[in-house]
All heavy atoms as atom14 arrays in JSON, in Angstrom:
{
  "sequence": "MGRIQEGKEIHGFVVKLGLDNDEFVASNLVRMYAMCGVME",
  "atom14_mask": [
    [1, 1, 1, 1, 1, 1, 1, 1, 0, 0, 0, 0, 0, 0],
    [1, 1, 1, 1, 0, 0, 0, 0, 0, 0, 0, 0, 0, 0],
    [1, 1, 1, 1, 1, 1, 1, 1, 1, 1, 1, 0, 0, 0],
    [1, 1, 1, 1, 1, 1, 1, 1, 0, 0, 0, 0, 0, 0],
    [1, 1, 1, 1, 1, 1, 1, 1, 1, 0, 0, 0, 0, 0],
    [1, 1, 1, 1, 1, 1, 1, 1, 1, 0, 0, 0, 0, 0],
    [1, 1, 1, 1, 0, 0, 0, 0, 0, 0, 0, 0, 0, 0],
    [1, 1, 1, 1, 1, 1, 1, 1, 1, 0, 0, 0, 0, 0],
    [1, 1, 1, 1, 1, 1, 1, 1, 1, 0, 0, 0, 0, 0],
    [1, 1, 1, 1, 1, 1, 1, 1, 0, 0, 0, 0, 0, 0],
    [1, 1, 1, 1, 1, 1, 1, 1, 1, 1, 0, 0, 0, 0],
    [1, 1, 1, 1, 0, 0, 0, 0, 0, 0, 0, 0, 0, 0],
    [1, 1, 1, 1, 1, 1, 1, 1, 1, 1, 1, 0, 0, 0],
    [1, 1, 1, 1, 1, 1, 1, 0, 0, 0, 0, 0, 0, 0],
    [1, 1, 1, 1, 1, 1, 1, 0, 0, 0, 0, 0, 0, 0],
    [1, 1, 1, 1, 1, 1, 1, 1, 1, 0, 0, 0, 0, 0],
    [1, 1, 1, 1, 1, 1, 1, 1, 0, 0, 0, 0, 0, 0],
    [1, 1, 1, 1, 0, 0, 0, 0, 0, 0, 0, 0, 0, 0],
    [1, 1, 1, 1, 1, 1, 1, 1, 0, 0, 0, 0, 0, 0],
    [1, 1, 1, 1, 1, 1, 1, 1, 0, 0, 0, 0, 0, 0],
    [1, 1, 1, 1, 1, 1, 1, 1, 0, 0, 0, 0, 0, 0],
    [1, 1, 1, 1, 1, 1, 1, 1, 0, 0, 0, 0, 0, 0],
    [1, 1, 1, 1, 1, 1, 1, 1, 1, 0, 0, 0, 0, 0],
    [1, 1, 1, 1, 1, 1, 1, 1, 1, 1, 1, 0, 0, 0],
    [1, 1, 1, 1, 1, 1, 1, 0, 0, 0, 0, 0, 0, 0],
    [1, 1, 1, 1, 1, 0, 0, 0, 0, 0, 0, 0, 0, 0],
    [1, 1, 1, 1, 1, 1, 0, 0, 0, 0, 0, 0, 0, 0],
    [1, 1, 1, 1, 1, 1, 1, 1, 0, 0, 0, 0, 0, 0],
    [1, 1, 1, 1, 1, 1, 1, 1, 0, 0, 0, 0, 0, 0],
    [1, 1, 1, 1, 1, 1, 1, 0, 0, 0, 0, 0, 0, 0],
    [1, 1, 1, 1, 1, 1, 1, 1, 1, 1, 1, 0, 0, 0],
    [1, 1, 1, 1, 1, 1, 1, 1, 0, 0, 0, 0, 0, 0],
    [1, 1, 1, 1, 1, 1, 1, 1, 1, 1, 1, 1, 0, 0],
    [1, 1, 1, 1, 1, 0, 0, 0, 0, 0, 0, 0, 0, 0],
    [1, 1, 1, 1, 1, 1, 1, 1, 0, 0, 0, 0, 0, 0],
    [1, 1, 1, 1, 1, 1, 0, 0, 0, 0, 0, 0, 0, 0],
    [1, 1, 1, 1, 0, 0, 0, 0, 0, 0, 0, 0, 0, 0],
    [1, 1, 1, 1, 1, 1, 1, 0, 0, 0, 0, 0, 0, 0],
    [1, 1, 1, 1, 1, 1, 1, 1, 0, 0, 0, 0, 0, 0],
    [1, 1, 1, 1, 1, 1, 1, 1, 1, 0, 0, 0, 0, 0]
  ],
  "atom14_positions": [
    [[-78.24, 92.42, -79.85], [-78.9, 93.41, -80.73], [-80.21, 92.98, -81.39], [-80.86, 93.76, -82.09], [-77.95, 93.79, -81.87], [-76.58, 94.36, -81.44], [-75.6, 94.89, -82.82], [-75.2, 93.28, -83.51], [0.0, 0.0, 0.0], [0.0, 0.0, 0.0], [0.0, 0.0, 0.0], [0.0, 0.0, 0.0], [0.0, 0.0, 0.0], [0.0, 0.0, 0.0]],
    [[-80.54, 91.71, -81.14], [-81.77, 91.2, -81.68], [-81.71, 91.02, -83.24], [-82.71, 91.1, -83.97], [0.0, 0.0, 0.0], [0.0, 0.0, 0.0], [0.0, 0.0, 0.0], [0.0, 0.0, 0.0], [0.0, 0.0, 0.0], [0.0, 0.0, 0.0], [0.0, 0.0, 0.0], [0.0, 0.0, 0.0], [0.0, 0.0, 0.0], [0.0, 0.0, 0.0]],
    [[-80.49, 90.75, -83.7], [-80.25, 90.66, -85.15], [-80.49, 89.13, -85.55], [-79.53, 88.38, -85.79], [-78.84, 91.05, -85.5], [-78.5, 92.47, -85.07], [-79.21, 93.52, -85.85], [-78.52, 93.73, -87.2], [-77.68, 94.77, -87.38], [-77.39, 95.58, -86.42], [-77.1, 94.83, -88.51], [0.0, 0.0, 0.0], [0.0, 0.0, 0.0], [0.0, 0.0, 0.0]],
    [[-81.7, 88.77, -85.74], [-82.1, 87.43, -86.03], [-81.64, 86.98, -87.37], [-81.22, 85.79, -87.64], [-83.63, 87.23, -85.86], [-84.0, 85.71, -86.0], [-84.41, 88.1, -86.79], [-83.39, 84.84, -84.98], [0.0, 0.0, 0.0], [0.0, 0.0, 0.0], [0.0, 0.0, 0.0], [0.0, 0.0, 0.0], [0.0, 0.0, 0.0], [0.0, 0.0, 0.0]],
    [[-81.7, 87.87, -88.38], [-81.27, 87.53, -89.71], [-79.78, 87.08, -89.75], [-79.42, 86.02, -90.34], [-81.59, 88.63, -90.7], [-81.41, 88.25, -92.23], [-82.22, 87.04, -92.6], [-83.43, 86.96, -92.36], [-81.67, 86.1, -93.31], [0.0, 0.0, 0.0], [0.0, 0.0, 0.0], [0.0, 0.0, 0.0], [0.0, 0.0, 0.0], [0.0, 0.0, 0.0]],
    [[-78.95, 87.96, -89.19], [-77.49, 87.71, -89.14], [-77.31, 86.38, -88.31], [-76.49, 85.55, -88.65], [-76.77, 88.84, -88.53], [-76.54, 89.99, -89.4], [-77.82, 91.02, -89.28], [-78.83, 90.57, -88.72], [-77.65, 92.17, -89.61], [0.0, 0.0, 0.0], [0.0, 0.0, 0.0], [0.0, 0.0, 0.0], [0.0, 0.0, 0.0], [0.0, 0.0, 0.0]],
    [[-78.14, 86.22, -87.22], [-78.01, 85.03, -86.44], [-78.25, 83.72, -87.23], [-77.6, 82.74, -87.12], [0.0, 0.0, 0.0], [0.0, 0.0, 0.0], [0.0, 0.0, 0.0], [0.0, 0.0, 0.0], [0.0, 0.0, 0.0], [0.0, 0.0, 0.0], [0.0, 0.0, 0.0], [0.0, 0.0, 0.0], [0.0, 0.0, 0.0], [0.0, 0.0, 0.0]],
    [[-79.29, 83.77, -88.13], [-79.62, 82.63, -88.88], [-78.53, 82.31, -89.9], [-78.2, 81.19, -90.18], [-80.95, 82.83, -89.68], [-82.2, 82.8, -88.77], [-83.48, 83.0, -89.55], [-84.68, 82.82, -88.63], [-85.96, 83.02, -89.4], [0.0, 0.0, 0.0], [0.0, 0.0, 0.0], [0.0, 0.0, 0.0], [0.0, 0.0, 0.0], [0.0, 0.0, 0.0]],
    [[-77.94, 83.38, -90.46], [-76.83, 83.14, -91.44], [-75.59, 82.52, -90.69], [-75.01, 81.58, -91.32], [-76.41, 84.47, -92.07], [-77.47, 85.11, -92.98], [-77.12, 86.44, -93.44], [-75.96, 86.91, -93.12], [-77.97, 87.11, -94.12], [0.0, 0.0, 0.0], [0.0, 0.0, 0.0], [0.0, 0.0, 0.0], [0.0, 0.0, 0.0], [0.0, 0.0, 0.0]],
    [[-75.33, 82.94, -89.53], [-74.24, 82.38, -88.73], [-74.56, 80.91, -88.33], [-73.66, 80.08, -88.41], [-73.93, 83.25, -87.55], [-73.35, 84.6, -87.95], [-73.0, 82.56, -86.57], [-73.37, 85.62, -86.91], [0.0, 0.0, 0.0], [0.0, 0.0, 0.0], [0.0, 0.0, 0.0], [0.0, 0.0, 0.0], [0.0, 0.0, 0.0], [0.0, 0.0, 0.0]],
    [[-75.86, 80.71, -88.1], [-76.28, 79.31, -87.8], [-75.99, 78.43, -88.93], [-75.46, 77.27, -88.75], [-77.82, 79.33, -87.47], [-78.36, 77.94, -87.09], [-79.66, 77.77, -86.88], [-77.78, 76.84, -86.9], [-79.86, 76.54, -86.53], [-78.68, 75.88, -86.52], [0.0, 0.0, 0.0], [0.0, 0.0, 0.0], [0.0, 0.0, 0.0], [0.0, 0.0, 0.0]],
    [[-76.23, 78.84, -90.2], [-75.96, 78.11, -91.34], [-74.5, 77.78, -91.46], [-74.01, 76.7, -91.81], [0.0, 0.0, 0.0], [0.0, 0.0, 0.0], [0.0, 0.0, 0.0], [0.0, 0.0, 0.0], [0.0, 0.0, 0.0], [0.0, 0.0, 0.0], [0.0, 0.0, 0.0], [0.0, 0.0, 0.0], [0.0, 0.0, 0.0], [0.0, 0.0, 0.0]],
    [[-73.61, 78.75, -91.1], [-72.18, 78.59, -91.15], [-71.77, 77.56, -90.15], [-70.88, 76.72, -90.41], [-71.54, 79.93, -90.91], [-70.0, 80.04, -91.29], [-69.37, 81.18, -91.03], [-69.38, 79.0, -91.86], [-68.01, 81.29, -91.42], [-68.0, 79.07, -92.23], [-67.35, 80.26, -92.04], [0.0, 0.0, 0.0], [0.0, 0.0, 0.0], [0.0, 0.0, 0.0]],
    [[-72.42, 77.58, -88.97], [-72.05, 76.63, -87.88], [-72.31, 75.18, -88.37], [-71.52, 74.29, -88.15], [-72.92, 76.92, -86.65], [-72.86, 75.77, -85.65], [-72.36, 78.29, -85.93], [0.0, 0.0, 0.0], [0.0, 0.0, 0.0], [0.0, 0.0, 0.0], [0.0, 0.0, 0.0], [0.0, 0.0, 0.0], [0.0, 0.0, 0.0], [0.0, 0.0, 0.0]],
    [[-73.53, 75.0, -88.97], [-73.84, 73.71, -89.46], [-72.85, 73.18, -90.56], [-72.4, 72.06, -90.57], [-75.28, 73.68, -90.04], [-75.61, 72.38, -90.74], [-76.38, 74.02, -88.94], [0.0, 0.0, 0.0], [0.0, 0.0, 0.0], [0.0, 0.0, 0.0], [0.0, 0.0, 0.0], [0.0, 0.0, 0.0], [0.0, 0.0, 0.0], [0.0, 0.0, 0.0]],
    [[-72.43, 74.2, -91.43], [-71.58, 73.81, -92.47], [-70.21, 73.28, -91.93], [-69.58, 72.43, -92.53], [-71.24, 75.07, -93.38], [-70.4, 74.81, -94.51], [-70.19, 76.13, -95.4], [-69.21, 75.88, -96.62], [-69.11, 77.09, -97.36], [0.0, 0.0, 0.0], [0.0, 0.0, 0.0], [0.0, 0.0, 0.0], [0.0, 0.0, 0.0], [0.0, 0.0, 0.0]],
    [[-69.76, 73.92, -90.81], [-68.57, 73.52, -90.21], [-68.64, 72.31, -89.24], [-67.71, 71.91, -88.64], [-67.92, 74.68, -89.37], [-67.43, 75.92, -90.23], [-66.93, 77.05, -89.33], [-66.4, 75.49, -91.19], [0.0, 0.0, 0.0], [0.0, 0.0, 0.0], [0.0, 0.0, 0.0], [0.0, 0.0, 0.0], [0.0, 0.0, 0.0], [0.0, 0.0, 0.0]],
    [[-69.92, 71.85, -89.11], [-70.13, 70.65, -88.25], [-70.01, 70.93, -86.71], [-69.73, 70.05, -85.96], [0.0, 0.0, 0.0], [0.0, 0.0, 0.0], [0.0, 0.0, 0.0], [0.0, 0.0, 0.0], [0.0, 0.0, 0.0], [0.0, 0.0, 0.0], [0.0, 0.0, 0.0], [0.0, 0.0, 0.0], [0.0, 0.0, 0.0], [0.0, 0.0, 0.0]],
    [[-70.34, 72.19, -86.3], [-70.16, 72.56, -84.9], [-71.52, 72.74, -84.17], [-71.49, 73.15, -83.04], [-69.38, 73.91, -84.82], [-67.94, 73.93, -85.29], [-67.4, 75.33, -85.36], [-67.09, 72.99, -84.44], [0.0, 0.0, 0.0], [0.0, 0.0, 0.0], [0.0, 0.0, 0.0], [0.0, 0.0, 0.0], [0.0, 0.0, 0.0], [0.0, 0.0, 0.0]],
    [[-72.58, 72.26, -84.83], [-73.88, 72.5, -84.24], [-74.16, 71.65, -83.06], [-75.15, 71.87, -82.29], [-75.02, 72.3, -85.28], [-74.77, 71.07, -86.12], [-73.69, 70.73, -86.49], [-75.83, 70.41, -86.47], [0.0, 0.0, 0.0], [0.0, 0.0, 0.0], [0.0, 0.0, 0.0], [0.0, 0.0, 0.0], [0.0, 0.0, 0.0], [0.0, 0.0, 0.0]],
    [[-73.38, 70.63, -82.85], [-73.61, 69.7, -81.65], [-72.56, 70.07, -80.52], [-72.47, 69.44, -79.46], [-73.49, 68.28, -81.97], [-74.77, 67.73, -82.6], [-75.84, 68.15, -82.2], [-74.65, 66.86, -83.55], [0.0, 0.0, 0.0], [0.0, 0.0, 0.0], [0.0, 0.0, 0.0], [0.0, 0.0, 0.0], [0.0, 0.0, 0.0], [0.0, 0.0, 0.0]],
    [[-71.68, 71.11, -80.75], [-70.77, 71.52, -79.68], [-71.59, 72.18, -78.58], [-72.43, 73.02, -78.88], [-69.76, 72.44, -80.26], [-68.77, 72.98, -79.21], [-67.74, 72.32, -78.96], [-69.1, 74.0, -78.6], [0.0, 0.0, 0.0], [0.0, 0.0, 0.0], [0.0, 0.0, 0.0], [0.0, 0.0, 0.0], [0.0, 0.0, 0.0], [0.0, 0.0, 0.0]],
    [[-71.36, 71.87, -77.3], [-72.22, 72.38, -76.23], [-72.15, 73.85, -76.12], [-73.19, 74.53, -75.88], [-71.84, 71.73, -74.89], [-70.45, 72.11, -74.37], [-69.39, 71.03, -74.8], [-69.53, 70.44, -75.79], [-68.41, 70.96, -74.03], [0.0, 0.0, 0.0], [0.0, 0.0, 0.0], [0.0, 0.0, 0.0], [0.0, 0.0, 0.0], [0.0, 0.0, 0.0]],
    [[-70.96, 74.49, -76.34], [-70.88, 75.94, -76.21], [-71.57, 76.65, -77.37], [-72.32, 77.58, -77.19], [-69.38, 76.4, -76.17], [-68.66, 75.89, -74.97], [-67.62, 75.03, -75.06], [-69.02, 76.27, -73.73], [-66.89, 74.62, -73.95], [-68.36, 75.87, -72.61], [-67.29, 75.03, -72.7], [0.0, 0.0, 0.0], [0.0, 0.0, 0.0], [0.0, 0.0, 0.0]],
    [[-71.36, 76.12, -78.58], [-72.04, 76.75, -79.77], [-73.51, 76.54, -79.68], [-74.3, 77.47, -79.87], [-71.4, 76.11, -81.06], [-72.15, 76.67, -82.18], [-69.92, 76.37, -81.15], [0.0, 0.0, 0.0], [0.0, 0.0, 0.0], [0.0, 0.0, 0.0], [0.0, 0.0, 0.0], [0.0, 0.0, 0.0], [0.0, 0.0, 0.0], [0.0, 0.0, 0.0]],
    [[-73.96, 75.33, -79.34], [-75.38, 74.99, -79.3], [-76.18, 75.81, -78.27], [-77.2, 76.35, -78.57], [-75.57, 73.47, -78.99], [0.0, 0.0, 0.0], [0.0, 0.0, 0.0], [0.0, 0.0, 0.0], [0.0, 0.0, 0.0], [0.0, 0.0, 0.0], [0.0, 0.0, 0.0], [0.0, 0.0, 0.0], [0.0, 0.0, 0.0], [0.0, 0.0, 0.0]],
    [[-75.55, 75.98, -77.11], [-76.23, 76.79, -76.07], [-76.41, 78.24, -76.45], [-77.36, 78.9, -76.25], [-75.51, 76.68, -74.72], [-74.21, 77.26, -74.83], [0.0, 0.0, 0.0], [0.0, 0.0, 0.0], [0.0, 0.0, 0.0], [0.0, 0.0, 0.0], [0.0, 0.0, 0.0], [0.0, 0.0, 0.0], [0.0, 0.0, 0.0], [0.0, 0.0, 0.0]],
    [[-75.35, 78.75, -77.2], [-75.46, 80.11, -77.68], [-76.41, 80.29, -78.86], [-76.95, 81.39, -79.0], [-74.09, 80.64, -77.96], [-73.37, 81.14, -76.68], [-73.6, 82.18, -76.11], [-72.41, 80.24, -76.22], [0.0, 0.0, 0.0], [0.0, 0.0, 0.0], [0.0, 0.0, 0.0], [0.0, 0.0, 0.0], [0.0, 0.0, 0.0], [0.0, 0.0, 0.0]],
    [[-76.46, 79.24, -79.67], [-77.52, 79.28, -80.75], [-78.98, 79.32, -80.14], [-79.78, 80.15, -80.53], [-77.4, 78.02, -81.64], [-76.37, 78.11, -82.76], [-76.22, 76.72, -83.39], [-76.92, 79.06, -83.88], [0.0, 0.0, 0.0], [0.0, 0.0, 0.0], [0.0, 0.0, 0.0], [0.0, 0.0, 0.0], [0.0, 0.0, 0.0], [0.0, 0.0, 0.0]],
    [[-79.17, 78.51, -79.19], [-80.47, 78.56, -78.46], [-80.7, 79.9, -77.76], [-81.78, 80.44, -77.97], [-80.5, 77.37, -77.4], [-81.85, 77.49, -76.62], [-80.45, 76.01, -78.06], [0.0, 0.0, 0.0], [0.0, 0.0, 0.0], [0.0, 0.0, 0.0], [0.0, 0.0, 0.0], [0.0, 0.0, 0.0], [0.0, 0.0, 0.0], [0.0, 0.0, 0.0]],
    [[-79.66, 80.37, -77.15], [-79.82, 81.65, -76.51], [-80.13, 82.81, -77.5], [-80.92, 83.66, -77.2], [-78.54, 82.05, -75.67], [-78.61, 83.41, -74.99], [-77.35, 83.7, -74.21], [-77.22, 82.97, -72.97], [-76.44, 81.97, -72.79], [-75.58, 81.56, -73.78], [-76.28, 81.34, -71.62], [0.0, 0.0, 0.0], [0.0, 0.0, 0.0], [0.0, 0.0, 0.0]],
    [[-79.43, 82.71, -78.57], [-79.62, 83.79, -79.65], [-81.11, 83.79, -80.1], [-81.74, 84.81, -80.16], [-78.71, 83.53, -80.85], [-78.77, 84.65, -81.88], [-80.06, 84.33, -83.2], [-79.48, 82.79, -83.89], [0.0, 0.0, 0.0], [0.0, 0.0, 0.0], [0.0, 0.0, 0.0], [0.0, 0.0, 0.0], [0.0, 0.0, 0.0], [0.0, 0.0, 0.0]],
    [[-81.6, 82.59, -80.51], [-82.99, 82.53, -80.97], [-83.92, 83.02, -79.77], [-84.9, 83.62, -80.05], [-83.35, 81.1, -81.38], [-82.84, 80.81, -82.76], [-81.79, 79.92, -82.98], [-83.42, 81.41, -83.9], [-81.31, 79.63, -84.27], [-82.98, 81.15, -85.2], [-81.94, 80.21, -85.39], [-81.5, 79.96, -86.65], [0.0, 0.0, 0.0], [0.0, 0.0, 0.0]],
    [[-83.69, 82.54, -78.57], [-84.57, 82.83, -77.44], [-84.53, 84.37, -77.14], [-85.67, 84.96, -76.94], [-84.11, 82.11, -76.16], [0.0, 0.0, 0.0], [0.0, 0.0, 0.0], [0.0, 0.0, 0.0], [0.0, 0.0, 0.0], [0.0, 0.0, 0.0], [0.0, 0.0, 0.0], [0.0, 0.0, 0.0], [0.0, 0.0, 0.0], [0.0, 0.0, 0.0]],
    [[-83.38, 85.03, -77.15], [-83.33, 86.42, -76.86], [-83.94, 87.27, -77.97], [-84.32, 88.41, -77.78], [-81.85, 86.81, -76.58], [-81.34, 86.32, -75.22], [-79.73, 87.01, -74.81], [-80.0, 88.73, -74.6], [0.0, 0.0, 0.0], [0.0, 0.0, 0.0], [0.0, 0.0, 0.0], [0.0, 0.0, 0.0], [0.0, 0.0, 0.0], [0.0, 0.0, 0.0]],
    [[-83.99, 86.67, -79.19], [-84.57, 87.38, -80.29], [-86.08, 87.09, -80.34], [-86.8, 87.53, -81.23], [-83.95, 86.94, -81.61], [-82.26, 87.58, -81.82], [0.0, 0.0, 0.0], [0.0, 0.0, 0.0], [0.0, 0.0, 0.0], [0.0, 0.0, 0.0], [0.0, 0.0, 0.0], [0.0, 0.0, 0.0], [0.0, 0.0, 0.0], [0.0, 0.0, 0.0]],
    [[-86.54, 86.28, -79.43], [-87.98, 85.99, -79.31], [-88.54, 84.94, -80.23], [-89.7, 84.69, -80.41], [0.0, 0.0, 0.0], [0.0, 0.0, 0.0], [0.0, 0.0, 0.0], [0.0, 0.0, 0.0], [0.0, 0.0, 0.0], [0.0, 0.0, 0.0], [0.0, 0.0, 0.0], [0.0, 0.0, 0.0], [0.0, 0.0, 0.0], [0.0, 0.0, 0.0]],
    [[-87.64, 84.16, -80.91], [-88.03, 83.18, -81.82], [-87.94, 81.79, -81.07], [-87.04, 81.0, -81.33], [-87.1, 83.16, -83.13], [-87.62, 82.14, -84.16], [-87.03, 84.58, -83.65], [0.0, 0.0, 0.0], [0.0, 0.0, 0.0], [0.0, 0.0, 0.0], [0.0, 0.0, 0.0], [0.0, 0.0, 0.0], [0.0, 0.0, 0.0], [0.0, 0.0, 0.0]],
    [[-88.94, 81.58, -80.21], [-88.86, 80.5, -79.27], [-89.15, 79.1, -79.99], [-88.67, 78.06, -79.58], [-89.86, 80.63, -78.15], [-89.47, 81.79, -77.23], [-87.85, 81.59, -76.48], [-88.06, 80.02, -75.59], [0.0, 0.0, 0.0], [0.0, 0.0, 0.0], [0.0, 0.0, 0.0], [0.0, 0.0, 0.0], [0.0, 0.0, 0.0], [0.0, 0.0, 0.0]],
    [[-89.88, 79.13, -81.11], [-90.16, 77.95, -81.85], [-88.8, 77.3, -82.34], [-88.55, 76.13, -82.17], [-91.09, 78.26, -83.0], [-91.77, 77.02, -83.5], [-92.87, 77.34, -84.52], [-93.69, 78.23, -84.29], [-92.86, 76.68, -85.58], [0.0, 0.0, 0.0], [0.0, 0.0, 0.0], [0.0, 0.0, 0.0], [0.0, 0.0, 0.0], [0.0, 0.0, 0.0]]
  ]
}
């Protein structure tokens, strides 16, 4: 849906739970930012 704001909030939740280095979660975080056009 290109919902970058909600994506960033969920990203914060992921970090809080310590899941940001999980390969499945990390790849989908990268995909979310990429599909929303936030390549930086």
